[in-house]
C-alpha atoms as a PDB file:
ATOM      1  CA  MET A   1      -2.679 -27.692  40.184  1.00  0.00           C
ATOM      2  CA  THR A   2      -5.147 -25.913  37.916  1.00  0.00           C
ATOM      3  CA  ASP A   3      -8.790 -26.972  37.442  1.00  0.00           C
ATOM      4  CA  ASP A   4      -8.769 -25.705  33.848  1.00  0.00           C
ATOM      5  CA  PRO A   5      -8.522 -28.832  31.625  1.00  0.00           C
ATOM      6  CA  VAL A   6      -7.211 -26.792  28.694  1.00  0.00           C
ATOM      7  CA  ARG A   7      -4.461 -25.281  30.848  1.00  0.00           C
ATOM      8  CA  THR A   8      -3.614 -28.691  32.323  1.00  0.00           C
ATOM      9  CA  GLU A   9      -3.289 -30.187  28.848  1.00  0.00           C
ATOM     10  CA  SER A  10      -1.063 -27.270  27.778  1.00  0.00           C
ATOM     11  CA  ILE A  11       1.258 -27.768  30.777  1.00  0.00           C
ATOM     12  CA  GLN A  12       1.514 -31.493  30.049  1.00  0.00           C
ATOM     13  CA  GLU A  13       2.347 -30.770  26.413  1.00  0.00           C
ATOM     14  CA  GLU A  14       5.048 -28.268  27.455  1.00  0.00           C
ATOM     15  CA  ASN A  15       6.584 -30.834  29.826  1.00  0.00           C
ATOM     16  CA  GLU A  16       6.580 -33.489  27.103  1.00  0.00           C
ATOM     17  CA  ASN A  17       8.248 -31.116  24.642  1.00  0.00           C
ATOM     18  CA  LEU A  18      10.849 -30.167  27.247  1.00  0.00           C
ATOM     19  CA  SER A  19      11.584 -33.814  28.017  1.00  0.00           C
ATOM     20  CA  GLU A  20      12.108 -34.469  24.309  1.00  0.00           C
ATOM     21  CA  LEU A  21      14.484 -31.500  24.014  1.00  0.00           C
ATOM     22  CA  LEU A  22      16.446 -32.659  27.062  1.00  0.00           C
ATOM     23  CA  ALA A  23      16.771 -36.156  25.603  1.00  0.00           C
ATOM     24  CA  ILE A  24      18.029 -34.751  22.285  1.00  0.00           C
ATOM     25  CA  ARG A  25      20.656 -32.533  23.929  1.00  0.00           C
ATOM     26  CA  ARG A  26      21.888 -35.284  26.211  1.00  0.00           C
ATOM     27  CA  GLY A  27      22.100 -37.561  23.199  1.00  0.00           C
ATOM     28  CA  LYS A  28      24.316 -34.997  21.458  1.00  0.00           C
ATOM     29  CA  LEU A  29      26.565 -34.867  24.510  1.00  0.00           C
ATOM     30  CA  ARG A  30      26.883 -38.646  24.545  1.00  0.00           C
ATOM     31  CA  GLU A  31      27.884 -38.597  20.867  1.00  0.00           C
ATOM     32  CA  LEU A  32      30.538 -35.965  21.587  1.00  0.00           C
ATOM     33  CA  CYS A  33      31.980 -37.956  24.474  1.00  0.00           C
ATOM     34  CA  ALA A  34      31.948 -41.198  22.467  1.00  0.00           C
ATOM     35  CA  SER A  35      33.909 -39.512  19.676  1.00  0.00           C
ATOM     36  CA  GLY A  36      36.513 -38.174  22.116  1.00  0.00           C
ATOM     37  CA  ARG A  37      35.306 -34.564  21.977  1.00  0.00           C
ATOM     38  CA  ASP A  38      33.876 -34.097  25.476  1.00  0.00           C
ATOM     39  CA  PRO A  39      33.397 -30.281  25.696  1.00  0.00           C
ATOM     40  CA  PHE A  40      33.579 -30.306  29.488  1.00  0.00           C
ATOM     41  CA  GLU A  41      37.198 -31.443  29.346  1.00  0.00           C
ATOM     42  CA  ILE A  42      38.148 -28.155  27.669  1.00  0.00           C
ATOM     43  CA  THR A  43      39.026 -25.804  30.524  1.00  0.00           C
ATOM     44  CA  ARG A  44      40.819 -22.983  28.713  1.00  0.00           C
ATOM     45  CA  TYR A  45      40.319 -20.896  25.593  1.00  0.00           C
ATOM     46  CA  GLU A  46      42.549 -17.995  24.552  1.00  0.00           C
ATOM     47  CA  ARG A  47      40.376 -14.951  23.837  1.00  0.00           C
ATOM     48  CA  THR A  48      41.977 -11.961  22.120  1.00  0.00           C
ATOM     49  CA  HIS A  49      38.961  -9.633  22.082  1.00  0.00           C
ATOM     50  CA  TRP A  50      35.590  -9.131  23.736  1.00  0.00           C
ATOM     51  CA  SER A  51      32.523  -8.398  21.601  1.00  0.00           C
ATOM     52  CA  LYS A  52      32.491  -4.749  22.648  1.00  0.00           C
ATOM     53  CA  GLN A  53      36.145  -4.321  21.666  1.00  0.00           C
ATOM     54  CA  VAL A  54      35.479  -5.704  18.180  1.00  0.00           C
ATOM     55  CA  LEU A  55      32.458  -3.450  17.675  1.00  0.00           C
ATOM     56  CA  GLU A  56      34.103  -0.282  19.000  1.00  0.00           C
ATOM     57  CA  ASN A  57      37.441  -0.763  17.200  1.00  0.00           C
ATOM     58  CA  PHE A  58      36.285  -1.936  13.771  1.00  0.00           C
ATOM     59  CA  ASP A  59      38.473   0.494  11.820  1.00  0.00           C
ATOM     60  CA  ALA A  60      41.605  -0.880  13.462  1.00  0.00           C
ATOM     61  CA  LEU A  61      40.473  -4.506  13.413  1.00  0.00           C
ATOM     62  CA  GLU A  62      38.952  -4.796   9.925  1.00  0.00           C
ATOM     63  CA  ASN A  63      40.424  -7.895   8.213  1.00  0.00           C
ATOM     64  CA  ALA A  64      42.442  -8.680  11.357  1.00  0.00           C
ATOM     65  CA  GLU A  65      42.234 -12.118  12.958  1.00  0.00           C
ATOM     66  CA  VAL A  66      40.557 -12.290  16.354  1.00  0.00           C
ATOM     67  CA  SER A  67      39.563 -14.992  18.810  1.00  0.00           C
ATOM     68  CA  VAL A  68      36.241 -14.566  20.607  1.00  0.00           C
ATOM     69  CA  CYS A  69      34.080 -16.741  22.826  1.00  0.00           C
ATOM     70  CA  GLY A  70      30.611 -16.705  24.315  1.00  0.00           C
ATOM     71  CA  ARG A  71      27.156 -18.273  24.445  1.00  0.00           C
ATOM     72  CA  ILE A  72      25.185 -18.836  21.238  1.00  0.00           C
ATOM     73  CA  MET A  73      22.003 -16.741  21.412  1.00  0.00           C
ATOM     74  CA  SER A  74      20.628 -17.094  17.867  1.00  0.00           C
ATOM     75  CA  MET A  75      21.306 -19.078  14.690  1.00  0.00           C
ATOM     76  CA  ARG A  76      20.081 -18.900  11.122  1.00  0.00           C
ATOM     77  CA  GLY A  77      21.282 -21.093   8.298  1.00  0.00           C
ATOM     78  CA  MET A  78      21.364 -20.389   4.574  1.00  0.00           C
ATOM     79  CA  GLY A  79      22.386 -23.619   2.910  1.00  0.00           C
ATOM     80  CA  LYS A  80      26.122 -24.005   3.303  1.00  0.00           C
ATOM     81  CA  ALA A  81      26.553 -20.832   5.348  1.00  0.00           C
ATOM     82  CA  SER A  82      25.178 -19.630   8.681  1.00  0.00           C
ATOM     83  CA  PHE A  83      24.987 -16.464  10.753  1.00  0.00           C
ATOM     84  CA  PHE A  84      24.799 -16.656  14.529  1.00  0.00           C
ATOM     85  CA  HIS A  85      25.185 -14.358  17.528  1.00  0.00           C
ATOM     86  CA  ILE A  86      27.218 -14.998  20.661  1.00  0.00           C
ATOM     87  CA  GLN A  87      26.924 -13.202  23.982  1.00  0.00           C
ATOM     88  CA  ASP A  88      29.879 -12.574  26.258  1.00  0.00           C
ATOM     89  CA  GLY A  89      30.394 -10.441  29.350  1.00  0.00           C
ATOM     90  CA  MET A  90      30.389  -7.197  27.340  1.00  0.00           C
ATOM     91  CA  GLY A  91      27.617  -7.663  24.794  1.00  0.00           C
ATOM     92  CA  THR A  92      26.712  -9.593  21.644  1.00  0.00           C
ATOM     93  CA  LEU A  93      28.517 -10.123  18.361  1.00  0.00           C
ATOM     94  CA  GLN A  94      27.514 -11.671  15.039  1.00  0.00           C
ATOM     95  CA  LEU A  95      29.595 -14.495  13.582  1.00  0.00           C
ATOM     96  CA  TYR A  96      29.524 -15.964  10.082  1.00  0.00           C
ATOM     97  CA  VAL A  97      30.602 -19.480   9.161  1.00  0.00           C
ATOM     98  CA  ARG A  98      30.767 -21.041   5.702  1.00  0.00           C
ATOM     99  CA  VAL A  99      31.428 -24.641   4.715  1.00  0.00           C
ATOM    100  CA  ASN A 100      34.099 -23.599   2.201  1.00  0.00           C
ATOM    101  CA  ASP A 101      36.136 -21.992   5.001  1.00  0.00           C
ATOM    102  CA  VAL A 102      35.924 -24.624   7.725  1.00  0.00           C
ATOM    103  CA  GLY A 103      35.367 -27.817   5.731  1.00  0.00           C
ATOM    104  CA  GLU A 104      32.466 -30.253   5.476  1.00  0.00           C
ATOM    105  CA  GLU A 105      33.244 -32.113   8.713  1.00  0.00           C
ATOM    106  CA  GLU A 106      33.589 -29.066  10.959  1.00  0.00           C
ATOM    107  CA  TYR A 107      30.558 -27.393   9.405  1.00  0.00           C
ATOM    108  CA  ALA A 108      28.504 -30.537  10.055  1.00  0.00           C
ATOM    109  CA  ARG A 109      29.598 -30.399  13.708  1.00  0.00           C
ATOM    110  CA  PHE A 110      28.654 -26.720  13.844  1.00  0.00           C
ATOM    111  CA  LYS A 111      25.142 -27.475  12.546  1.00  0.00           C
ATOM    112  CA  LYS A 112      24.604 -29.761  15.548  1.00  0.00           C
ATOM    113  CA  LEU A 113      25.201 -26.935  18.016  1.00  0.00           C
ATOM    114  CA  ASP A 114      22.260 -25.566  19.993  1.00  0.00           C
ATOM    115  CA  ILE A 115      21.278 -22.137  21.221  1.00  0.00           C
ATOM    116  CA  GLY A 116      22.795 -21.845  24.691  1.00  0.00           C
ATOM    117  CA  ASP A 117      26.012 -23.701  23.847  1.00  0.00           C
ATOM    118  CA  ILE A 118      29.250 -21.904  24.705  1.00  0.00           C
ATOM    119  CA  ILE A 119      31.803 -21.759  21.903  1.00  0.00           C
ATOM    120  CA  GLY A 120      35.137 -20.254  20.978  1.00  0.00           C
ATOM    121  CA  ALA A 121      35.686 -18.942  17.451  1.00  0.00           C
ATOM    122  CA  ARG A 122      38.613 -17.687  15.374  1.00  0.00           C
ATOM    123  CA  GLY A 123      38.245 -15.545  12.294  1.00  0.00           C
ATOM    124  CA  THR A 124      38.631 -12.168  10.618  1.00  0.00           C
ATOM    125  CA  VAL A 125      36.625  -9.044  11.319  1.00  0.00           C
ATOM    126  CA  PHE A 126      34.457  -7.712   8.492  1.00  0.00           C
ATOM    127  CA  ARG A 127      31.242  -5.818   7.833  1.00  0.00           C
ATOM    128  CA  THR A 128      28.307  -7.558   6.159  1.00  0.00           C
ATOM    129  CA  LYS A 129      26.378  -6.151   3.184  1.00  0.00           C
ATOM    130  CA  ARG A 130      23.742  -4.991   5.685  1.00  0.00           C
ATOM    131  CA  GLY A 131      26.402  -3.114   7.625  1.00  0.00           C
ATOM    132  CA  GLU A 132      26.671  -5.342  10.709  1.00  0.00           C
ATOM    133  CA  ILE A 133      30.165  -5.810  12.129  1.00  0.00           C
ATOM    134  CA  SER A 134      30.878  -9.545  12.291  1.00  0.00           C
ATOM    135  CA  VAL A 135      33.582 -12.193  12.513  1.00  0.00           C
ATOM    136  CA  HIS A 136      34.137 -14.481   9.495  1.00  0.00           C
ATOM    137  CA  CYS A 137      34.975 -17.770  11.219  1.00  0.00           C
ATOM    138  CA  THR A 138      37.829 -20.046  10.203  1.00  0.00           C
ATOM    139  CA  GLY A 139      37.468 -22.319  13.229  1.00  0.00           C
ATOM    140  CA  ILE A 140      34.852 -23.051  15.906  1.00  0.00           C
ATOM    141  CA  GLU A 141      35.302 -25.013  19.126  1.00  0.00           C
ATOM    142  CA  LEU A 142      32.538 -26.188  21.438  1.00  0.00           C
ATOM    143  CA  LEU A 143      33.536 -25.284  25.006  1.00  0.00           C
ATOM    144  CA  ALA A 144      30.416 -26.260  26.969  1.00  0.00           C
ATOM    145  CA  LYS A 145      27.202 -28.026  25.971  1.00  0.00           C
ATOM    146  CA  SER A 146      23.922 -26.478  27.104  1.00  0.00           C
ATOM    147  CA  LEU A 147      21.671 -29.302  28.317  1.00  0.00           C
ATOM    148  CA  LEU A 148      18.665 -27.052  29.016  1.00  0.00           C
ATOM    149  CA  PRO A 149      16.995 -24.793  26.426  1.00  0.00           C
ATOM    150  CA  LEU A 150      16.907 -21.051  27.031  1.00  0.00           C
ATOM    151  CA  PRO A 151      13.571 -19.202  27.308  1.00  0.00           C
ATOM    152  CA  GLU A 152      12.007 -18.019  24.056  1.00  0.00           C
ATOM    153  CA  LYS A 153      14.085 -15.026  22.968  1.00  0.00           C
ATOM    154  CA  TYR A 154      11.323 -12.587  21.990  1.00  0.00           C
ATOM    155  CA  HIS A 155       9.589 -12.708  25.363  1.00  0.00           C
ATOM    156  CA  GLY A 156      12.607 -13.407  27.526  1.00  0.00           C
ATOM    157  CA  MET A 157      12.138 -14.514  31.107  1.00  0.00           C
ATOM    158  CA  THR A 158       8.917 -12.841  32.227  1.00  0.00           C
ATOM    159  CA  ASN A 159       7.948 -14.954  35.263  1.00  0.00           C
ATOM    160  CA  THR A 160       9.078 -12.808  38.212  1.00  0.00           C
ATOM    161  CA  GLU A 161       9.376 -15.678  40.707  1.00  0.00           C
ATOM    162  CA  LEU A 162      11.357 -17.776  38.226  1.00  0.00           C
ATOM    163  CA  ARG A 163      13.664 -14.826  37.508  1.00  0.00           C
ATOM    164  CA  TYR A 164      14.649 -14.617  41.170  1.00  0.00           C
ATOM    165  CA  ARG A 165      14.921 -18.388  41.622  1.00  0.00           C
ATOM    166  CA  GLN A 166      17.046 -18.804  38.481  1.00  0.00           C
ATOM    167  CA  ARG A 167      19.003 -15.577  38.469  1.00  0.00           C
ATOM    168  CA  TYR A 168      21.622 -17.069  36.151  1.00  0.00           C
ATOM    169  CA  VAL A 169      19.005 -17.562  33.396  1.00  0.00           C
ATOM    170  CA  ASP A 170      17.619 -14.082  34.033  1.00  0.00           C
ATOM    171  CA  LEU A 171      21.108 -12.646  33.496  1.00  0.00           C
ATOM    172  CA  ILE A 172      21.461 -14.502  30.189  1.00  0.00           C
ATOM    173  CA  MET A 173      18.099 -13.379  28.812  1.00  0.00           C
ATOM    174  CA  ASN A 174      17.524  -9.886  30.268  1.00  0.00           C
ATOM    175  CA  PRO A 175      20.160  -7.203  29.595  1.00  0.00           C
ATOM    176  CA  GLN A 176      18.529  -4.915  32.165  1.00  0.00           C
ATOM    177  CA  SER A 177      19.201  -7.458  34.928  1.00  0.00           C
ATOM    178  CA  ARG A 178      22.872  -7.538  33.958  1.00  0.00           C
ATOM    179  CA  ARG A 179      22.856  -3.726  33.946  1.00  0.00           C
ATOM    180  CA  THR A 180      21.504  -3.727  37.511  1.00  0.00           C
ATOM    181  CA  PHE A 181      24.422  -5.888  38.650  1.00  0.00           C
ATOM    182  CA  GLU A 182      26.910  -3.631  36.858  1.00  0.00           C
ATOM    183  CA  VAL A 183      25.478  -0.409  38.344  1.00  0.00           C
ATOM    184  CA  ARG A 184      25.470  -1.882  41.849  1.00  0.00           C
ATOM    185  CA  SER A 185      29.090  -3.005  41.546  1.00  0.00           C
ATOM    186  CA  ARG A 186      30.202   0.400  40.263  1.00  0.00           C
ATOM    187  CA  PHE A 187      28.207   2.159  43.000  1.00  0.00           C
ATOM    188  CA  ILE A 188      29.950   0.151  45.742  1.00  0.00           C
ATOM    189  CA  SER A 189      33.317   0.949  44.137  1.00  0.00           C
ATOM    190  CA  TYR A 190      32.398   4.639  43.993  1.00  0.00           C
ATOM    191  CA  ILE A 191      31.454   4.721  47.689  1.00  0.00           C
ATOM    192  CA  ARG A 192      34.853   3.267  48.572  1.00  0.00           C
ATOM    193  CA  SER A 193      36.814   5.664  46.372  1.00  0.00           C
ATOM    194  CA  TYR A 194      34.784   8.667  47.632  1.00  0.00           C
ATOM    195  CA  LEU A 195      35.311   7.856  51.308  1.00  0.00           C
ATOM    196  CA  ASP A 196      38.934   6.740  50.897  1.00  0.00           C
ATOM    197  CA  ALA A 197      39.735  10.063  49.183  1.00  0.00           C
ATOM    198  CA  ARG A 198      38.394  11.866  52.261  1.00  0.00           C
ATOM    199  CA  GLY A 199      40.603  10.029  54.701  1.00  0.00           C
ATOM    200  CA  TYR A 200      38.161   7.339  55.800  1.00  0.00           C
ATOM    201  CA  MET A 201      39.458   3.894  56.754  1.00  0.00           C
ATOM    202  CA  GLU A 202      37.502   0.811  55.719  1.00  0.00           C
ATOM    203  CA  VAL A 203      37.358  -1.941  58.358  1.00  0.00           C
ATOM    204  CA  GLU A 204      35.736  -5.320  58.912  1.00  0.00           C
ATOM    205  CA  THR A 205      33.906  -5.924  62.182  1.00  0.00           C
ATOM    206  CA  PRO A 206      32.557  -9.228  63.576  1.00  0.00           C
ATOM    207  CA  VAL A 207      29.469 -10.776  62.019  1.00  0.00           C
ATOM    208  CA  LEU A 208      28.977 -13.091  65.032  1.00  0.00           C
ATOM    209  CA  ASN A 209      28.515 -11.469  68.432  1.00  0.00           C
ATOM    210  CA  THR A 210      27.792 -12.586  71.975  1.00  0.00           C
ATOM    211  CA  ILE A 211      25.304  -9.752  72.418  1.00  0.00           C
ATOM    212  CA  SER A 212      22.719  -8.346  70.030  1.00  0.00           C
ATOM    213  CA  GLY A 213      22.981  -4.600  69.724  1.00  0.00           C
ATOM    214  CA  GLY A 214      23.227  -1.534  67.546  1.00  0.00           C
ATOM    215  CA  ALA A 215      19.585  -1.466  66.479  1.00  0.00           C
ATOM    216  CA  ALA A 216      16.145  -2.540  67.660  1.00  0.00           C
ATOM    217  CA  ALA A 217      15.724  -5.585  65.451  1.00  0.00           C
ATOM    218  CA  ARG A 218      15.326  -9.315  66.082  1.00  0.00           C
ATOM    219  CA  PRO A 219      18.596 -11.172  65.419  1.00  0.00           C
ATOM    220  CA  PHE A 220      19.333 -14.552  63.887  1.00  0.00           C
ATOM    221  CA  VAL A 221      20.676 -16.905  66.554  1.00  0.00           C
ATOM    222  CA  THR A 222      23.287 -19.573  65.890  1.00  0.00           C
ATOM    223  CA  HIS A 223      25.404 -21.849  68.072  1.00  0.00           C
ATOM    224  CA  HIS A 224      29.180 -21.935  68.448  1.00  0.00           C
ATOM    225  CA  ASN A 225      30.041 -25.610  68.957  1.00  0.00           C
ATOM    226  CA  THR A 226      33.572 -25.204  70.328  1.00  0.00           C
ATOM    227  CA  LEU A 227      32.607 -22.574  72.906  1.00  0.00           C
ATOM    228  CA  ASP A 228      29.153 -24.128  73.412  1.00  0.00           C
ATOM    229  CA  ILE A 229      27.425 -20.736  73.434  1.00  0.00           C
ATOM    230  CA  ASP A 230      24.694 -19.107  71.390  1.00  0.00           C
ATOM    231  CA  MET A 231      25.779 -16.209  69.222  1.00  0.00           C
ATOM    232  CA  TYR A 232      23.934 -13.543  67.277  1.00  0.00           C
ATOM    233  CA  MET A 233      24.433 -12.521  63.677  1.00  0.00           C
ATOM    234  CA  ARG A 234      24.852  -8.767  63.583  1.00  0.00           C
ATOM    235  CA  ILE A 235      21.889  -6.510  62.988  1.00  0.00           C
ATOM    236  CA  ALA A 236      24.114  -3.421  62.589  1.00  0.00           C
ATOM    237  CA  THR A 237      27.782  -2.453  62.486  1.00  0.00           C
ATOM    238  CA  GLU A 238      27.225   0.550  64.745  1.00  0.00           C
ATOM    239  CA  LEU A 239      28.729  -0.529  68.062  1.00  0.00           C
ATOM    240  CA  HIS A 240      32.083  -1.749  66.761  1.00  0.00           C
ATOM    241  CA  LEU A 241      32.511   1.294  64.514  1.00  0.00           C
ATOM    242  CA  LYS A 242      31.843   3.655  67.408  1.00  0.00           C
ATOM    243  CA  ARG A 243      34.455   1.821  69.480  1.00  0.00           C
ATOM    244  CA  LEU A 244      36.960   2.444  66.695  1.00  0.00           C
ATOM    245  CA  ILE A 245      36.149   6.165  66.835  1.00  0.00           C
ATOM    246  CA  VAL A 246      36.834   6.040  70.581  1.00  0.00           C
ATOM    247  CA  GLY A 247      40.111   4.265  69.828  1.00  0.00           C
ATOM    248  CA  GLY A 248      41.285   7.163  67.674  1.00  0.00           C
ATOM    249  CA  ILE A 249      40.343   6.182  64.119  1.00  0.00           C
ATOM    250  CA  GLU A 250      38.615   9.469  63.384  1.00  0.00           C
ATOM    251  CA  ARG A 251      37.006   8.521  60.078  1.00  0.00           C
ATOM    252  CA  VAL A 252      35.831   4.932  59.664  1.00  0.00           C
ATOM    253  CA  TYR A 253      33.348   2.984  57.585  1.00  0.00           C
ATOM    254  CA  GLU A 254      32.260  -0.542  56.734  1.00  0.00           C
ATOM    255  CA  ILE A 255      30.387  -1.995  53.780  1.00  0.00           C
ATOM    256  CA  GLY A 256      29.031  -5.341  54.903  1.00  0.00           C
ATOM    257  CA  ARG A 257      26.156  -7.761  55.298  1.00  0.00           C
ATOM    258  CA  ILE A 258      23.470  -7.195  57.930  1.00  0.00           C
ATOM    259  CA  PHE A 259      21.033  -9.871  59.131  1.00  0.00           C
ATOM    260  CA  ARG A 260      17.587  -9.188  60.618  1.00  0.00           C
ATOM    261  CA  ASN A 261      15.212 -12.001  61.514  1.00  0.00           C
ATOM    262  CA  GLU A 262      12.015 -10.086  60.817  1.00  0.00           C
ATOM    263  CA  GLY A 263       9.282  -9.844  58.223  1.00  0.00           C
ATOM    264  CA  MET A 264      10.117  -9.715  54.538  1.00  0.00           C
ATOM    265  CA  ASP A 265       8.559  -8.205  51.430  1.00  0.00           C
ATOM    266  CA  PRO A 266       9.827  -6.985  48.038  1.00  0.00           C
ATOM    267  CA  LYS A 267      11.584  -4.035  49.760  1.00  0.00           C
ATOM    268  CA  HIS A 268      12.864  -5.811  52.887  1.00  0.00           C
ATOM    269  CA  ASN A 269      15.213  -8.781  52.898  1.00  0.00           C
ATOM    270  CA  PRO A 270      16.443 -10.735  55.957  1.00  0.00           C
ATOM    271  CA  GLU A 271      20.016 -10.091  54.797  1.00  0.00           C
ATOM    272  CA  PHE A 272      21.247  -6.998  53.000  1.00  0.00           C
ATOM    273  CA  THR A 273      24.329  -4.872  52.423  1.00  0.00           C
ATOM    274  CA  SER A 274      24.723  -1.598  54.286  1.00  0.00           C
ATOM    275  CA  VAL A 275      27.323   1.137  54.479  1.00  0.00           C
ATOM    276  CA  GLU A 276      27.796   2.754  57.870  1.00  0.00           C
ATOM    277  CA  LEU A 277      30.319   5.501  58.533  1.00  0.00           C
ATOM    278  CA  TYR A 278      31.396   7.669  61.437  1.00  0.00           C
ATOM    279  CA  GLU A 279      33.503  10.816  61.603  1.00  0.00           C
ATOM    280  CA  ALA A 280      34.842  12.684  64.615  1.00  0.00           C
ATOM    281  CA  TYR A 281      34.557  16.483  64.960  1.00  0.00           C
ATOM    282  CA  THR A 282      31.503  16.937  62.748  1.00  0.00           C
ATOM    283  CA  ASP A 283      27.733  16.912  63.119  1.00  0.00           C
ATOM    284  CA  PHE A 284      24.746  15.773  61.077  1.00  0.00           C
ATOM    285  CA  HIS A 285      25.316  18.617  58.591  1.00  0.00           C
ATOM    286  CA  GLY A 286      28.713  17.166  57.735  1.00  0.00           C
ATOM    287  CA  MET A 287      27.212  13.705  57.313  1.00  0.00           C
ATOM    288  CA  MET A 288      24.462  15.127  55.093  1.00  0.00           C
ATOM    289  CA  ASP A 289      27.177  16.621  52.885  1.00  0.00           C
ATOM    290  CA  ILE A 290      28.806  13.184  52.651  1.00  0.00           C
ATOM    291  CA  ALA A 291      25.496  11.510  51.712  1.00  0.00           C
ATOM    292  CA  GLU A 292      24.793  14.174  49.075  1.00  0.00           C
ATOM    293  CA  GLY A 293      28.300  13.863  47.675  1.00  0.00           C
ATOM    294  CA  ILE A 294      28.048  10.081  47.336  1.00  0.00           C
ATOM    295  CA  LEU A 295      24.658  10.075  45.620  1.00  0.00           C
ATOM    296  CA  SER A 296      25.229  12.987  43.258  1.00  0.00           C
ATOM    297  CA  GLY A 297      28.790  11.968  42.444  1.00  0.00           C
ATOM    298  CA  ALA A 298      27.825   8.343  41.772  1.00  0.00           C
ATOM    299  CA  ALA A 299      24.996   9.424  39.466  1.00  0.00           C
ATOM    300  CA  LYS A 300      27.370  11.569  37.421  1.00  0.00           C
ATOM    301  CA  GLU A 301      30.148   8.947  37.410  1.00  0.00           C
ATOM    302  CA  ILE A 302      27.993   5.913  36.558  1.00  0.00           C
ATOM    303  CA  LEU A 303      25.046   7.344  34.603  1.00  0.00           C
ATOM    304  CA  GLY A 304      26.724  10.434  33.158  1.00  0.00           C
ATOM    305  CA  SER A 305      24.025  12.759  34.478  1.00  0.00           C
ATOM    306  CA  TYR A 306      22.643  14.170  37.716  1.00  0.00           C
ATOM    307  CA  ASN A 307      19.112  13.572  36.389  1.00  0.00           C
ATOM    308  CA  VAL A 308      17.777  10.072  37.026  1.00  0.00           C
ATOM    309  CA  GLN A 309      14.440   8.307  36.856  1.00  0.00           C
ATOM    310  CA  TRP A 310      13.119   6.262  39.750  1.00  0.00           C
ATOM    311  CA  LEU A 311       9.735   4.514  39.787  1.00  0.00           C
ATOM    312  CA  GLY A 312       8.471   6.839  37.076  1.00  0.00           C
ATOM    313  CA  TYR A 313       9.694  10.037  38.766  1.00  0.00           C
ATOM    314  CA  ASP A 314      12.363  12.411  37.449  1.00  0.00           C
ATOM    315  CA  ILE A 315      14.877  13.197  40.190  1.00  0.00           C
ATOM    316  CA  ASP A 316      17.548  15.917  40.025  1.00  0.00           C
ATOM    317  CA  LEU A 317      20.633  15.021  42.074  1.00  0.00           C
ATOM    318  CA  THR A 318      22.626  18.113  41.149  1.00  0.00           C
ATOM    319  CA  PRO A 319      24.698  19.111  44.240  1.00  0.00           C
ATOM    320  CA  ALA A 320      23.560  22.234  46.070  1.00  0.00           C
ATOM    321  CA  GLY A 321      25.497  25.338  45.054  1.00  0.00           C
ATOM    322  CA  SER A 322      26.793  23.875  41.770  1.00  0.00           C
ATOM    323  CA  VAL A 323      24.067  25.369  39.555  1.00  0.00           C
END
């Protein structure tokens, strides 16, 4: 609690405003259900194009009918017509709806939609007078009702703790957070393709073990009820991978979760993903070549350049000998 009376009053006012917004949105949902149009009963919508596909293929799609869907991120009305933007998994797209095209009843239903609602829309692709590629809607269907308001769009989600606690909202509001997820996913895929192309075999080794080994870290301890024994969550994949080398799998790796019951800070998490690999008949020089190849190759594949920025520093990942 804060001792600042002005701040306390502001927080109370924000909570009251939020409660009013929640009541309004829940009231809209009740009206929908009472009229037989419960949006949560709609479990399927046929999409023909993503936003990015419409924007990148305008010449081929101009005046063609498309079906798109996504979350409403902005709305602005102009009498009997409205522009609004939806966000899907590939970006954002502007839509245009006019009462003359959809009818008085459907347009009235559209006007009751809120930012955050998920909709499906059919219409033709066109370019506005201002040059923005858009979809001229002939039909709109509410697919899911948003019962909580999104953060204010111009400032986004700036509270760091809240961003990590409500990652789903952070992903909606901050494109850079979505980009981080995309880069990580592509990086993991690149590691696999790089190692697979060099004859490595990916394996899965036990997460629960009867001994704690492979690194000098404190393990998490759990209990196996059927066997009535304590077991340890792995702190490394090292021991099992080395046994596979002994067994004759000469190039082996695993991408998996590691658990360490130790201190935590912004750079250290009790659980994290690691990649560990072993190769017979080579030394640390060969493994250094592998590490260099993964990092430089991933930078070029994902970012399109060997030059990257990290924490304000310019880093050149160009492979040795390729200049």
